[in-house]
Amino acid sequence: MNAAKITISIDHELLGRLDRLVQSRVFPNRSQAVQAAVEEKIARLQKSRLATECAKLNQAEEQALADMGLLSEANDWPQY
């Protein structure tokens, strides 16, 4: 893995909790713990963004488009 070094500031209480996770071997080190947390947060944000965008869709309009697509494909299907 090609990693970049960064510097962050973190609350002392949160750092203590992070260190306890490392001490209990949930994570091998602070860096991996922080990386896992950032990855998880980004994944959650992306999922919630997708849900937000999907909520903007007009369900009836999307269903009509899907039905049109299926009808056009149905004519291409072989007869059984």
N, C-alpha and C. Protein backbone atom coordinates (compact mmCIF):
# COMPACT_ATOMS: atom_id res chain seq x y z
N MET A 1 0.84 -1.17 0.00
CA MET A 1 0.00 0.00 0.00
C MET A 1 0.88 1.24 0.00
N ASN A 2 0.59 2.17 -0.87
CA ASN A 2 1.31 3.43 -0.94
C ASN A 2 0.61 4.41 -0.02
N ALA A 3 1.24 4.77 1.09
CA ALA A 3 0.59 5.60 2.10
C ALA A 3 1.27 6.96 2.19
N ALA A 4 0.49 7.96 2.56
CA ALA A 4 1.01 9.30 2.79
C ALA A 4 0.96 9.59 4.28
N LYS A 5 1.96 10.27 4.77
CA LYS A 5 1.98 10.65 6.18
C LYS A 5 1.27 11.98 6.34
N ILE A 6 0.42 12.05 7.38
CA ILE A 6 -0.29 13.28 7.68
C ILE A 6 -0.20 13.54 9.18
N THR A 7 -0.54 14.75 9.58
CA THR A 7 -0.59 15.09 10.99
C THR A 7 -2.02 15.51 11.30
N ILE A 8 -2.57 14.99 12.39
CA ILE A 8 -3.92 15.37 12.78
C ILE A 8 -3.92 15.77 14.25
N SER A 9 -4.92 16.55 14.61
CA SER A 9 -5.16 16.88 16.02
C SER A 9 -6.38 16.10 16.45
N ILE A 10 -6.33 15.52 17.64
CA ILE A 10 -7.42 14.68 18.12
C ILE A 10 -7.64 14.94 19.61
N ASP A 11 -8.88 14.94 20.01
CA ASP A 11 -9.25 15.16 21.40
C ASP A 11 -8.57 14.11 22.29
N HIS A 12 -8.11 14.54 23.48
CA HIS A 12 -7.38 13.62 24.38
C HIS A 12 -8.23 12.42 24.78
N GLU A 13 -9.51 12.64 25.04
CA GLU A 13 -10.38 11.52 25.43
C GLU A 13 -10.53 10.52 24.28
N LEU A 14 -10.70 11.04 23.08
CA LEU A 14 -10.82 10.17 21.91
C LEU A 14 -9.52 9.42 21.67
N LEU A 15 -8.40 10.09 21.85
CA LEU A 15 -7.10 9.44 21.70
C LEU A 15 -6.94 8.30 22.70
N GLY A 16 -7.42 8.51 23.93
CA GLY A 16 -7.36 7.45 24.93
C GLY A 16 -8.18 6.24 24.50
N ARG A 17 -9.35 6.51 23.96
CA ARG A 17 -10.19 5.40 23.48
C ARG A 17 -9.52 4.67 22.32
N LEU A 18 -8.90 5.45 21.44
CA LEU A 18 -8.18 4.86 20.31
C LEU A 18 -7.02 3.99 20.80
N ASP A 19 -6.27 4.50 21.76
CA ASP A 19 -5.14 3.74 22.30
C ASP A 19 -5.60 2.46 22.99
N ARG A 20 -6.75 2.49 23.64
CA ARG A 20 -7.26 1.26 24.28
C ARG A 20 -7.61 0.21 23.22
N LEU A 21 -8.11 0.66 22.07
CA LEU A 21 -8.39 -0.29 20.98
C LEU A 21 -7.09 -0.91 20.46
N VAL A 22 -6.05 -0.11 20.37
CA VAL A 22 -4.76 -0.62 19.91
C VAL A 22 -4.18 -1.57 20.96
N GLN A 23 -4.28 -1.20 22.23
CA GLN A 23 -3.75 -2.06 23.30
C GLN A 23 -4.48 -3.39 23.37
N SER A 24 -5.77 -3.36 23.09
CA SER A 24 -6.54 -4.61 23.13
C SER A 24 -6.46 -5.37 21.79
N ARG A 25 -5.60 -4.90 20.92
CA ARG A 25 -5.30 -5.54 19.64
C ARG A 25 -6.49 -5.59 18.67
N VAL A 26 -7.42 -4.64 18.82
CA VAL A 26 -8.48 -4.50 17.82
C VAL A 26 -7.86 -3.98 16.52
N PHE A 27 -6.87 -3.09 16.67
CA PHE A 27 -6.09 -2.57 15.55
C PHE A 27 -4.61 -2.73 15.88
N PRO A 28 -3.78 -2.95 14.86
CA PRO A 28 -2.36 -3.12 15.14
C PRO A 28 -1.65 -1.83 15.57
N ASN A 29 -2.18 -0.68 15.15
CA ASN A 29 -1.56 0.59 15.51
C ASN A 29 -2.56 1.73 15.29
N ARG A 30 -2.17 2.91 15.74
CA ARG A 30 -3.05 4.08 15.61
C ARG A 30 -3.37 4.39 14.15
N SER A 31 -2.35 4.31 13.32
CA SER A 31 -2.55 4.66 11.90
C SER A 31 -3.63 3.79 11.25
N GLN A 32 -3.56 2.50 11.52
CA GLN A 32 -4.55 1.61 10.90
C GLN A 32 -5.94 1.85 11.48
N ALA A 33 -6.01 2.20 12.75
CA ALA A 33 -7.30 2.50 13.37
C ALA A 33 -7.91 3.75 12.76
N VAL A 34 -7.11 4.79 12.60
CA VAL A 34 -7.61 6.03 12.00
C VAL A 34 -8.00 5.80 10.55
N GLN A 35 -7.18 5.04 9.82
CA GLN A 35 -7.51 4.76 8.42
C GLN A 35 -8.83 4.01 8.30
N ALA A 36 -9.04 3.02 9.15
CA ALA A 36 -10.29 2.26 9.12
C ALA A 36 -11.48 3.17 9.43
N ALA A 37 -11.31 4.07 10.39
CA ALA A 37 -12.40 4.99 10.75
C ALA A 37 -12.73 5.93 9.60
N VAL A 38 -11.71 6.45 8.93
CA VAL A 38 -11.93 7.36 7.81
C VAL A 38 -12.60 6.62 6.65
N GLU A 39 -12.13 5.42 6.35
CA GLU A 39 -12.74 4.63 5.27
C GLU A 39 -14.21 4.37 5.56
N GLU A 40 -14.52 3.98 6.81
CA GLU A 40 -15.90 3.68 7.18
C GLU A 40 -16.78 4.93 7.08
N LYS A 41 -16.27 6.06 7.54
CA LYS A 41 -17.04 7.29 7.48
C LYS A 41 -17.32 7.71 6.04
N ILE A 42 -16.32 7.61 5.19
CA ILE A 42 -16.50 7.96 3.78
C ILE A 42 -17.52 7.03 3.13
N ALA A 43 -17.46 5.74 3.43
CA ALA A 43 -18.42 4.78 2.87
C ALA A 43 -19.84 5.12 3.32
N ARG A 44 -20.01 5.48 4.59
CA ARG A 44 -21.33 5.86 5.09
C ARG A 44 -21.85 7.12 4.41
N LEU A 45 -20.98 8.09 4.22
CA LEU A 45 -21.39 9.32 3.55
C LEU A 45 -21.81 9.06 2.11
N GLN A 46 -21.08 8.18 1.43
CA GLN A 46 -21.43 7.85 0.06
C GLN A 46 -22.77 7.13 -0.02
N LYS A 47 -23.03 6.23 0.94
CA LYS A 47 -24.32 5.53 0.97
C LYS A 47 -25.45 6.50 1.23
N SER A 48 -25.25 7.42 2.17
CA SER A 48 -26.32 8.36 2.49
C SER A 48 -26.53 9.32 1.33
N ARG A 49 -25.48 9.66 0.60
CA ARG A 49 -25.63 10.53 -0.56
C ARG A 49 -26.43 9.81 -1.64
N LEU A 50 -26.16 8.54 -1.85
CA LEU A 50 -26.92 7.76 -2.83
C LEU A 50 -28.39 7.71 -2.43
N ALA A 51 -28.65 7.48 -1.16
CA ALA A 51 -30.04 7.43 -0.69
C ALA A 51 -30.73 8.77 -0.88
N THR A 52 -30.00 9.86 -0.62
CA THR A 52 -30.57 11.20 -0.80
C THR A 52 -30.90 11.45 -2.26
N GLU A 53 -30.00 11.07 -3.15
CA GLU A 53 -30.24 11.27 -4.58
C GLU A 53 -31.39 10.39 -5.07
N CYS A 54 -31.47 9.17 -4.57
CA CYS A 54 -32.57 8.27 -4.98
C CYS A 54 -33.92 8.80 -4.50
N ALA A 55 -33.92 9.43 -3.35
CA ALA A 55 -35.17 9.98 -2.81
C ALA A 55 -35.71 11.11 -3.70
N LYS A 56 -34.84 11.73 -4.48
CA LYS A 56 -35.27 12.82 -5.36
C LYS A 56 -35.98 12.31 -6.61
N LEU A 57 -35.81 11.04 -6.90
CA LEU A 57 -36.40 10.47 -8.11
C LEU A 57 -37.92 10.37 -7.99
N ASN A 58 -38.59 10.54 -9.11
CA ASN A 58 -40.04 10.36 -9.19
C ASN A 58 -40.29 8.89 -9.48
N GLN A 59 -40.87 8.19 -8.53
CA GLN A 59 -41.03 6.74 -8.65
C GLN A 59 -41.86 6.35 -9.86
N ALA A 60 -42.95 7.06 -10.12
CA ALA A 60 -43.82 6.73 -11.25
C ALA A 60 -43.09 6.94 -12.57
N GLU A 61 -42.33 8.02 -12.65
CA GLU A 61 -41.57 8.33 -13.87
C GLU A 61 -40.50 7.27 -14.11
N GLU A 62 -39.80 6.87 -13.05
CA GLU A 62 -38.77 5.84 -13.19
C GLU A 62 -39.37 4.50 -13.60
N GLN A 63 -40.54 4.17 -13.05
CA GLN A 63 -41.20 2.92 -13.41
C GLN A 63 -41.63 2.94 -14.88
N ALA A 64 -42.12 4.08 -15.33
CA ALA A 64 -42.52 4.20 -16.74
C ALA A 64 -41.32 4.01 -17.66
N LEU A 65 -40.19 4.60 -17.29
CA LEU A 65 -38.98 4.43 -18.10
C LEU A 65 -38.53 2.97 -18.12
N ALA A 66 -38.60 2.31 -16.98
CA ALA A 66 -38.21 0.90 -16.91
C ALA A 66 -39.15 0.05 -17.75
N ASP A 67 -40.44 0.33 -17.68
CA ASP A 67 -41.42 -0.43 -18.46
C ASP A 67 -41.19 -0.24 -19.96
N MET A 68 -40.87 0.98 -20.36
CA MET A 68 -40.59 1.24 -21.78
C MET A 68 -39.39 0.43 -22.24
N GLY A 69 -38.37 0.38 -21.41
CA GLY A 69 -37.18 -0.38 -21.76
C GLY A 69 -37.48 -1.85 -21.89
N LEU A 70 -38.29 -2.39 -20.99
CA LEU A 70 -38.64 -3.81 -21.05
C LEU A 70 -39.48 -4.12 -22.28
N LEU A 71 -40.40 -3.21 -22.64
CA LEU A 71 -41.23 -3.44 -23.83
C LEU A 71 -40.38 -3.48 -25.09
N SER A 72 -39.42 -2.58 -25.19
CA SER A 72 -38.60 -2.57 -26.40
C SER A 72 -37.73 -3.82 -26.47
N GLU A 73 -37.28 -4.31 -25.33
CA GLU A 73 -36.47 -5.53 -25.31
C GLU A 73 -37.31 -6.78 -25.56
N ALA A 74 -38.56 -6.75 -25.14
CA ALA A 74 -39.42 -7.93 -25.29
C ALA A 74 -39.61 -8.28 -26.76
N ASN A 75 -39.63 -7.30 -27.63
CA ASN A 75 -39.80 -7.56 -29.06
C ASN A 75 -38.58 -8.27 -29.65
N ASP A 76 -37.43 -8.12 -29.01
CA ASP A 76 -36.21 -8.77 -29.49
C ASP A 76 -36.03 -10.19 -28.97
N TRP A 77 -36.83 -10.59 -28.00
CA TRP A 77 -36.69 -11.91 -27.41
C TRP A 77 -37.26 -12.97 -28.36
N PRO A 78 -36.60 -14.13 -28.44
CA PRO A 78 -37.13 -15.20 -29.30
C PRO A 78 -38.44 -15.77 -28.74
N GLN A 79 -39.27 -16.24 -29.63
CA GLN A 79 -40.54 -16.86 -29.23
C GLN A 79 -40.27 -18.30 -28.78
N TYR A 80 -40.90 -18.71 -27.69
CA TYR A 80 -40.73 -20.07 -27.20
C TYR A 80 -41.99 -20.87 -27.39
